[in-house]
Amino acid sequence: MAKSQATFGKKENEKKRLKKRQDKEEKKEERQANAKKGQGLEDMLAYVDENGNITSTPPDPTKKKKEIKVEDIRIGAMRQEDMEQVDPIRKGIVSFFNESKGYGFIKDSQTQESIFVHANGLIDQIKENNKVIFEVEMGQKGPSAFGVKLDK
């Protein structure tokens, strides 16, 4: 009769456990050998240069420092008034529209971006190659057109 597989599996698992334990001990001994105990304060310090990069060398005191105005420092997001105002009403051409399924895509005239449009967002009936005026909102899967009407 042959030995059961359970005993072979147990032996293999025990070998793996012993191997892991030995590896762990070796790593521990290596860390202890490479440890830098008793470092001086100078060895542990880090400096930030004028560009915000962390370096191990102290700044040069003879070097002229750059003057920065307090007004130029921005913390956080830009204010709404500082950002460019984009016209919410856009123009484009219907590149694809499936009437039976009720969706399609509009190619924006300015950005050449393809924007999804659903039948629920239509004011006028549209077909492919129609020039349209629309607004854009962020949908579940990206930009989506709404308030779509024909451009006259």
N, C-alpha and C. Protein backbone atom coordinates (compact mmCIF):
# COMPACT_ATOMS: atom_id res chain seq x y z
N MET A 1 0.83 -1.19 0.00
CA MET A 1 0.00 0.00 0.00
C MET A 1 0.87 1.25 0.00
N ALA A 2 0.38 2.27 -0.65
CA ALA A 2 1.12 3.53 -0.73
C ALA A 2 0.79 4.42 0.46
N LYS A 3 1.70 5.34 0.76
CA LYS A 3 1.46 6.28 1.85
C LYS A 3 0.38 7.27 1.42
N SER A 4 -0.34 7.77 2.37
CA SER A 4 -1.40 8.74 2.04
C SER A 4 -0.77 10.07 1.65
N GLN A 5 -1.47 10.81 0.86
CA GLN A 5 -0.99 12.11 0.40
C GLN A 5 -0.93 13.11 1.55
N ALA A 6 -1.75 12.94 2.56
CA ALA A 6 -1.80 13.88 3.67
C ALA A 6 -0.43 13.97 4.36
N THR A 7 0.24 12.85 4.56
CA THR A 7 1.53 12.89 5.24
C THR A 7 2.57 13.59 4.37
N PHE A 8 2.54 13.35 3.06
CA PHE A 8 3.47 14.02 2.17
C PHE A 8 3.23 15.53 2.21
N GLY A 9 1.96 15.94 2.16
CA GLY A 9 1.61 17.36 2.22
C GLY A 9 2.04 17.99 3.53
N LYS A 10 1.91 17.26 4.63
CA LYS A 10 2.32 17.79 5.93
C LYS A 10 3.82 18.02 5.96
N LYS A 11 4.58 17.06 5.39
CA LYS A 11 6.03 17.20 5.36
C LYS A 11 6.43 18.42 4.52
N GLU A 12 5.78 18.58 3.39
CA GLU A 12 6.09 19.72 2.52
C GLU A 12 5.78 21.04 3.21
N ASN A 13 4.65 21.11 3.90
CA ASN A 13 4.28 22.33 4.63
C ASN A 13 5.28 22.64 5.73
N GLU A 14 5.74 21.61 6.41
CA GLU A 14 6.73 21.80 7.48
C GLU A 14 8.05 22.32 6.88
N LYS A 15 8.46 21.78 5.73
CA LYS A 15 9.67 22.25 5.07
C LYS A 15 9.53 23.73 4.69
N LYS A 16 8.36 24.12 4.16
CA LYS A 16 8.13 25.52 3.79
C LYS A 16 8.21 26.43 5.00
N ARG A 17 7.62 26.00 6.12
CA ARG A 17 7.66 26.80 7.35
C ARG A 17 9.09 26.99 7.83
N LEU A 18 9.88 25.91 7.81
CA LEU A 18 11.28 26.01 8.23
C LEU A 18 12.08 26.94 7.30
N LYS A 19 11.83 26.84 6.00
CA LYS A 19 12.51 27.70 5.02
C LYS A 19 12.17 29.16 5.27
N LYS A 20 10.89 29.47 5.53
CA LYS A 20 10.47 30.85 5.82
C LYS A 20 11.16 31.36 7.07
N ARG A 21 11.22 30.53 8.10
CA ARG A 21 11.84 30.92 9.36
C ARG A 21 13.33 31.23 9.15
N GLN A 22 14.02 30.37 8.36
CA GLN A 22 15.44 30.60 8.08
C GLN A 22 15.66 31.89 7.29
N ASP A 23 14.80 32.12 6.29
CA ASP A 23 14.90 33.35 5.50
C ASP A 23 14.71 34.58 6.37
N LYS A 24 13.74 34.50 7.28
CA LYS A 24 13.46 35.62 8.17
C LYS A 24 14.66 35.90 9.07
N GLU A 25 15.27 34.85 9.59
CA GLU A 25 16.46 35.00 10.44
C GLU A 25 17.61 35.62 9.66
N GLU A 26 17.82 35.17 8.42
CA GLU A 26 18.90 35.71 7.60
C GLU A 26 18.69 37.20 7.33
N LYS A 27 17.45 37.60 7.02
CA LYS A 27 17.15 39.00 6.79
C LYS A 27 17.37 39.83 8.04
N LYS A 28 17.01 39.28 9.18
CA LYS A 28 17.18 39.99 10.45
C LYS A 28 18.67 40.22 10.73
N GLU A 29 19.49 39.16 10.52
CA GLU A 29 20.93 39.29 10.74
C GLU A 29 21.55 40.30 9.76
N GLU A 30 21.07 40.32 8.51
CA GLU A 30 21.58 41.25 7.52
C GLU A 30 21.24 42.69 7.91
N ARG A 31 20.02 42.91 8.37
CA ARG A 31 19.62 44.26 8.82
C ARG A 31 20.46 44.72 9.98
N GLN A 32 20.71 43.80 10.94
CA GLN A 32 21.51 44.17 12.10
C GLN A 32 22.95 44.48 11.71
N ALA A 33 23.48 43.74 10.74
CA ALA A 33 24.86 43.97 10.29
C ALA A 33 24.98 45.31 9.57
N ASN A 34 23.94 45.71 8.82
CA ASN A 34 23.99 46.94 8.05
C ASN A 34 23.43 48.14 8.80
N ALA A 35 23.01 47.93 10.04
CA ALA A 35 22.41 49.03 10.80
C ALA A 35 23.45 50.11 11.06
N LYS A 36 23.00 51.35 11.00
CA LYS A 36 23.90 52.49 11.23
C LYS A 36 23.59 53.08 12.59
N LYS A 37 23.92 52.36 13.62
CA LYS A 37 23.67 52.86 14.97
C LYS A 37 24.70 53.90 15.33
N GLY A 38 24.29 54.83 16.13
CA GLY A 38 25.20 55.84 16.61
C GLY A 38 25.52 56.91 15.59
N GLN A 39 24.63 57.13 14.63
CA GLN A 39 24.86 58.18 13.65
C GLN A 39 24.80 59.54 14.34
N GLY A 40 25.55 60.47 13.82
CA GLY A 40 25.51 61.82 14.35
C GLY A 40 24.30 62.56 13.81
N LEU A 41 24.00 63.69 14.42
CA LEU A 41 22.86 64.49 14.00
C LEU A 41 23.02 64.97 12.57
N GLU A 42 24.22 65.33 12.17
CA GLU A 42 24.47 65.81 10.81
C GLU A 42 24.13 64.75 9.76
N ASP A 43 24.38 63.48 10.09
CA ASP A 43 24.11 62.40 9.13
C ASP A 43 22.61 62.17 8.96
N MET A 44 21.82 62.54 9.94
CA MET A 44 20.38 62.29 9.89
C MET A 44 19.58 63.46 9.35
N LEU A 45 20.19 64.63 9.17
CA LEU A 45 19.48 65.81 8.70
C LEU A 45 19.26 65.78 7.20
N ALA A 46 18.16 66.37 6.76
CA ALA A 46 17.86 66.55 5.35
C ALA A 46 17.52 68.01 5.13
N TYR A 47 17.88 68.54 3.98
CA TYR A 47 17.66 69.93 3.66
C TYR A 47 16.77 70.04 2.44
N VAL A 48 16.09 71.18 2.32
CA VAL A 48 15.24 71.44 1.16
C VAL A 48 15.87 72.59 0.38
N ASP A 49 16.12 72.36 -0.92
CA ASP A 49 16.72 73.42 -1.73
C ASP A 49 15.67 74.40 -2.22
N GLU A 50 16.09 75.41 -3.02
CA GLU A 50 15.16 76.46 -3.45
C GLU A 50 14.05 75.96 -4.36
N ASN A 51 14.23 74.77 -4.94
CA ASN A 51 13.20 74.20 -5.83
C ASN A 51 12.29 73.22 -5.10
N GLY A 52 12.51 73.05 -3.81
CA GLY A 52 11.66 72.14 -3.04
C GLY A 52 12.14 70.70 -3.04
N ASN A 53 13.36 70.43 -3.53
CA ASN A 53 13.90 69.07 -3.54
C ASN A 53 14.66 68.81 -2.25
N ILE A 54 14.57 67.58 -1.75
CA ILE A 54 15.25 67.21 -0.52
C ILE A 54 16.68 66.78 -0.86
N THR A 55 17.66 67.37 -0.15
CA THR A 55 19.06 67.05 -0.38
C THR A 55 19.74 66.77 0.95
N SER A 56 20.94 66.19 0.89
CA SER A 56 21.70 65.93 2.10
C SER A 56 22.73 67.02 2.38
N THR A 57 22.92 67.93 1.42
CA THR A 57 23.89 69.00 1.60
C THR A 57 23.20 70.27 2.10
N PRO A 58 23.80 70.94 3.05
CA PRO A 58 23.19 72.17 3.56
C PRO A 58 23.26 73.28 2.52
N PRO A 59 22.36 74.26 2.61
CA PRO A 59 22.37 75.34 1.62
C PRO A 59 23.63 76.20 1.77
N ASP A 60 24.07 76.79 0.66
CA ASP A 60 25.25 77.64 0.65
C ASP A 60 24.88 79.01 1.20
N PRO A 61 25.47 79.46 2.32
CA PRO A 61 25.07 80.74 2.90
C PRO A 61 25.53 81.94 2.08
N THR A 62 26.52 81.76 1.20
CA THR A 62 27.01 82.87 0.39
C THR A 62 26.14 83.12 -0.83
N LYS A 63 25.33 82.14 -1.17
CA LYS A 63 24.46 82.26 -2.34
C LYS A 63 23.32 83.23 -2.05
N LYS A 64 23.04 84.10 -3.02
CA LYS A 64 21.97 85.08 -2.85
C LYS A 64 20.62 84.37 -2.89
N LYS A 65 19.76 84.72 -1.95
CA LYS A 65 18.44 84.10 -1.87
C LYS A 65 17.46 84.82 -2.79
N LYS A 66 16.53 84.06 -3.33
CA LYS A 66 15.51 84.60 -4.22
C LYS A 66 14.39 85.21 -3.38
N GLU A 67 13.97 86.42 -3.73
CA GLU A 67 12.87 87.08 -3.02
C GLU A 67 11.55 86.67 -3.66
N ILE A 68 10.60 86.28 -2.83
CA ILE A 68 9.28 85.88 -3.31
C ILE A 68 8.24 86.73 -2.59
N LYS A 69 7.32 87.28 -3.37
CA LYS A 69 6.26 88.08 -2.79
C LYS A 69 5.23 87.17 -2.13
N VAL A 70 4.69 87.60 -1.03
CA VAL A 70 3.70 86.81 -0.30
C VAL A 70 2.45 86.61 -1.16
N GLU A 71 2.11 87.61 -1.98
CA GLU A 71 0.90 87.51 -2.81
C GLU A 71 1.02 86.41 -3.86
N ASP A 72 2.27 86.06 -4.26
CA ASP A 72 2.46 85.05 -5.30
C ASP A 72 2.30 83.63 -4.78
N ILE A 73 2.31 83.45 -3.48
CA ILE A 73 2.20 82.11 -2.90
C ILE A 73 0.73 81.72 -2.85
N ARG A 74 0.41 80.57 -3.44
CA ARG A 74 -0.97 80.07 -3.43
C ARG A 74 -1.03 78.76 -2.68
N ILE A 75 -1.93 78.71 -1.76
CA ILE A 75 -2.15 77.49 -1.00
C ILE A 75 -3.58 77.04 -1.29
N GLY A 76 -3.72 75.80 -1.77
CA GLY A 76 -5.05 75.27 -2.06
C GLY A 76 -5.41 75.49 -3.52
N ALA A 77 -6.71 75.40 -3.81
CA ALA A 77 -7.20 75.51 -5.17
C ALA A 77 -7.33 76.96 -5.60
N MET A 78 -7.30 77.17 -6.90
CA MET A 78 -7.46 78.53 -7.42
C MET A 78 -8.90 78.99 -7.22
N ARG A 79 -9.05 80.28 -7.04
CA ARG A 79 -10.39 80.84 -6.90
C ARG A 79 -11.10 80.76 -8.24
N GLN A 80 -12.41 80.69 -8.20
CA GLN A 80 -13.22 80.57 -9.41
C GLN A 80 -12.98 81.76 -10.34
N GLU A 81 -12.82 82.96 -9.78
CA GLU A 81 -12.63 84.15 -10.61
C GLU A 81 -11.30 84.15 -11.33
N ASP A 82 -10.29 83.41 -10.78
CA ASP A 82 -8.98 83.35 -11.41
C ASP A 82 -8.96 82.40 -12.61
N MET A 83 -9.87 81.46 -12.63
CA MET A 83 -9.89 80.47 -13.70
C MET A 83 -10.54 81.08 -14.94
N GLU A 84 -10.17 80.56 -16.12
CA GLU A 84 -10.76 81.04 -17.36
C GLU A 84 -12.23 80.72 -17.40
N GLN A 85 -13.00 81.66 -17.88
CA GLN A 85 -14.43 81.43 -18.04
C GLN A 85 -14.64 80.79 -19.40
N VAL A 86 -15.20 79.59 -19.41
CA VAL A 86 -15.47 78.87 -20.65
C VAL A 86 -16.94 79.03 -20.96
N ASP A 87 -17.23 79.30 -22.23
CA ASP A 87 -18.62 79.47 -22.65
C ASP A 87 -19.35 78.15 -22.47
N PRO A 88 -20.42 78.12 -21.65
CA PRO A 88 -21.09 76.85 -21.40
C PRO A 88 -21.85 76.33 -22.62
N ILE A 89 -22.22 77.22 -23.53
CA ILE A 89 -22.95 76.79 -24.72
C ILE A 89 -21.95 76.53 -25.83
N ARG A 90 -21.99 75.31 -26.36
CA ARG A 90 -21.03 74.89 -27.38
C ARG A 90 -21.75 74.58 -28.68
N LYS A 91 -20.97 74.55 -29.76
CA LYS A 91 -21.50 74.18 -31.07
C LYS A 91 -20.78 72.94 -31.56
N GLY A 92 -21.49 72.15 -32.36
CA GLY A 92 -20.87 70.95 -32.90
C GLY A 92 -21.69 70.33 -33.99
N ILE A 93 -21.22 69.19 -34.48
CA ILE A 93 -21.90 68.45 -35.54
C ILE A 93 -22.18 67.04 -35.03
N VAL A 94 -23.38 66.54 -35.30
CA VAL A 94 -23.75 65.19 -34.88
C VAL A 94 -22.99 64.21 -35.76
N SER A 95 -22.08 63.43 -35.15
CA SER A 95 -21.28 62.48 -35.92
C SER A 95 -21.97 61.13 -36.04
N PHE A 96 -22.80 60.79 -35.04
CA PHE A 96 -23.52 59.52 -35.06
C PHE A 96 -24.75 59.66 -34.19
N PHE A 97 -25.89 59.14 -34.66
CA PHE A 97 -27.09 59.11 -33.81
C PHE A 97 -27.95 57.93 -34.21
N ASN A 98 -28.26 57.07 -33.25
CA ASN A 98 -29.10 55.90 -33.47
C ASN A 98 -30.48 56.22 -32.88
N GLU A 99 -31.45 56.46 -33.75
CA GLU A 99 -32.79 56.86 -33.28
C GLU A 99 -33.49 55.73 -32.53
N SER A 100 -33.30 54.48 -32.95
CA SER A 100 -33.99 53.38 -32.30
C SER A 100 -33.49 53.15 -30.87
N LYS A 101 -32.20 53.37 -30.64
CA LYS A 101 -31.65 53.19 -29.29
C LYS A 101 -31.62 54.50 -28.50
N GLY A 102 -31.72 55.63 -29.18
CA GLY A 102 -31.85 56.91 -28.52
C GLY A 102 -30.56 57.52 -28.00
N TYR A 103 -29.45 57.25 -28.65
CA TYR A 103 -28.19 57.86 -28.23
C TYR A 103 -27.32 58.13 -29.45
N GLY A 104 -26.28 58.94 -29.23
CA GLY A 104 -25.35 59.25 -30.31
C GLY A 104 -24.17 60.04 -29.79
N PHE A 105 -23.43 60.65 -30.71
CA PHE A 105 -22.25 61.43 -30.35
C PHE A 105 -22.21 62.71 -31.16
N ILE A 106 -21.76 63.76 -30.50
CA ILE A 106 -21.60 65.06 -31.13
C ILE A 106 -20.11 65.40 -31.12
N LYS A 107 -19.59 65.87 -32.25
CA LYS A 107 -18.19 66.29 -32.32
C LYS A 107 -18.15 67.79 -32.07
N ASP A 108 -17.50 68.19 -30.96
CA ASP A 108 -17.40 69.59 -30.57
C ASP A 108 -16.56 70.34 -31.60
N SER A 109 -17.03 71.52 -32.04
CA SER A 109 -16.32 72.30 -33.06
C SER A 109 -15.01 72.87 -32.53
N GLN A 110 -14.97 73.27 -31.26
CA GLN A 110 -13.75 73.88 -30.72
C GLN A 110 -12.70 72.84 -30.37
N THR A 111 -13.07 71.85 -29.58
CA THR A 111 -12.09 70.89 -29.05
C THR A 111 -11.95 69.64 -29.90
N GLN A 112 -12.82 69.45 -30.86
CA GLN A 112 -12.85 68.23 -31.69
C GLN A 112 -13.05 66.98 -30.85
N GLU A 113 -13.66 67.15 -29.68
CA GLU A 113 -13.89 66.06 -28.75
C GLU A 113 -15.26 65.43 -29.06
N SER A 114 -15.37 64.13 -28.93
CA SER A 114 -16.62 63.43 -29.16
C SER A 114 -17.38 63.36 -27.85
N ILE A 115 -18.61 63.89 -27.84
CA ILE A 115 -19.40 63.99 -26.61
C ILE A 115 -20.67 63.17 -26.77
N PHE A 116 -20.96 62.36 -25.77
CA PHE A 116 -22.12 61.49 -25.76
C PHE A 116 -23.39 62.32 -25.65
N VAL A 117 -24.44 61.90 -26.35
CA VAL A 117 -25.75 62.55 -26.23
C VAL A 117 -26.83 61.47 -26.17
N HIS A 118 -27.79 61.67 -25.27
CA HIS A 118 -28.91 60.74 -25.11
C HIS A 118 -30.18 61.44 -25.53
N ALA A 119 -31.19 60.67 -25.93
CA ALA A 119 -32.45 61.24 -26.39
C ALA A 119 -33.11 62.09 -25.30
N ASN A 120 -32.86 61.79 -24.03
CA ASN A 120 -33.43 62.58 -22.94
C ASN A 120 -32.86 64.00 -22.90
N GLY A 121 -31.67 64.20 -23.47
CA GLY A 121 -31.04 65.51 -23.46
C GLY A 121 -31.33 66.35 -24.69
N LEU A 122 -32.27 65.90 -25.53
CA LEU A 122 -32.58 66.60 -26.78
C LEU A 122 -33.76 67.55 -26.60
N ILE A 123 -33.66 68.71 -27.25
CA ILE A 123 -34.80 69.63 -27.33
C ILE A 123 -35.45 69.46 -28.70
N ASP A 124 -34.62 69.44 -29.76
CA ASP A 124 -35.10 69.21 -31.13
C ASP A 124 -34.68 67.81 -31.58
N GLN A 125 -35.38 67.28 -32.58
CA GLN A 125 -34.98 66.00 -33.17
C GLN A 125 -33.70 66.24 -33.97
N ILE A 126 -32.74 65.33 -33.83
CA ILE A 126 -31.47 65.47 -34.55
C ILE A 126 -31.19 64.25 -35.40
N LYS A 127 -30.36 64.44 -36.42
CA LYS A 127 -29.89 63.37 -37.29
C LYS A 127 -28.40 63.56 -37.50
N GLU A 128 -27.75 62.58 -38.11
CA GLU A 128 -26.32 62.69 -38.39
C GLU A 128 -26.04 63.88 -39.29
N ASN A 129 -24.90 64.54 -39.08
CA ASN A 129 -24.41 65.70 -39.82
C ASN A 129 -25.20 66.98 -39.57
N ASN A 130 -26.13 66.99 -38.59
CA ASN A 130 -26.82 68.22 -38.21
C ASN A 130 -25.88 69.09 -37.40
N LYS A 131 -25.95 70.42 -37.59
CA LYS A 131 -25.22 71.35 -36.74
C LYS A 131 -26.10 71.63 -35.53
N VAL A 132 -25.51 71.53 -34.34
CA VAL A 132 -26.30 71.68 -33.11
C VAL A 132 -25.61 72.61 -32.12
N ILE A 133 -26.42 73.12 -31.19
CA ILE A 133 -25.94 73.90 -30.04
C ILE A 133 -26.28 73.07 -28.82
N PHE A 134 -25.35 72.98 -27.86
CA PHE A 134 -25.58 72.13 -26.69
C PHE A 134 -24.76 72.60 -25.51
N GLU A 135 -25.07 72.05 -24.34
CA GLU A 135 -24.30 72.28 -23.13
C GLU A 135 -23.73 70.94 -22.68
N VAL A 136 -22.67 70.99 -21.89
CA VAL A 136 -21.99 69.76 -21.47
C VAL A 136 -22.03 69.64 -19.95
N GLU A 137 -22.29 68.41 -19.49
CA GLU A 137 -22.21 68.08 -18.07
C GLU A 137 -21.46 66.77 -17.94
N MET A 138 -20.91 66.51 -16.77
CA MET A 138 -20.20 65.25 -16.56
C MET A 138 -21.21 64.16 -16.22
N GLY A 139 -21.26 63.13 -17.03
CA GLY A 139 -22.13 62.00 -16.78
C GLY A 139 -21.38 60.92 -16.03
N GLN A 140 -21.97 59.72 -15.97
CA GLN A 140 -21.35 58.61 -15.25
C GLN A 140 -20.05 58.16 -15.90
N LYS A 141 -20.00 58.20 -17.23
CA LYS A 141 -18.82 57.68 -17.93
C LYS A 141 -18.05 58.76 -18.67
N GLY A 142 -18.33 60.03 -18.40
CA GLY A 142 -17.61 61.11 -19.06
C GLY A 142 -18.54 62.23 -19.43
N PRO A 143 -18.07 63.16 -20.31
CA PRO A 143 -18.91 64.30 -20.68
C PRO A 143 -20.14 63.87 -21.46
N SER A 144 -21.25 64.55 -21.17
CA SER A 144 -22.52 64.23 -21.79
C SER A 144 -23.20 65.53 -22.20
N ALA A 145 -23.80 65.55 -23.38
CA ALA A 145 -24.47 66.74 -23.88
C ALA A 145 -25.92 66.76 -23.41
N PHE A 146 -26.42 67.97 -23.08
CA PHE A 146 -27.83 68.14 -22.76
C PHE A 146 -28.30 69.47 -23.34
N GLY A 147 -29.61 69.65 -23.41
CA GLY A 147 -30.15 70.88 -24.00
C GLY A 147 -29.76 71.01 -25.47
N VAL A 148 -29.75 69.90 -26.19
CA VAL A 148 -29.30 69.88 -27.58
C VAL A 148 -30.41 70.38 -28.49
N LYS A 149 -30.10 71.42 -29.28
CA LYS A 149 -31.08 71.91 -30.26
C LYS A 149 -30.34 72.24 -31.56
N LEU A 150 -31.10 72.28 -32.63
CA LEU A 150 -30.52 72.54 -33.96
C LEU A 150 -30.00 73.96 -34.04
N ASP A 151 -28.84 74.14 -34.70
CA ASP A 151 -28.25 75.45 -34.92
C ASP A 151 -28.80 75.99 -36.23
N LYS A 152 -29.36 77.17 -36.18
CA LYS A 152 -30.01 77.71 -37.40
C LYS A 152 -29.11 78.63 -38.15
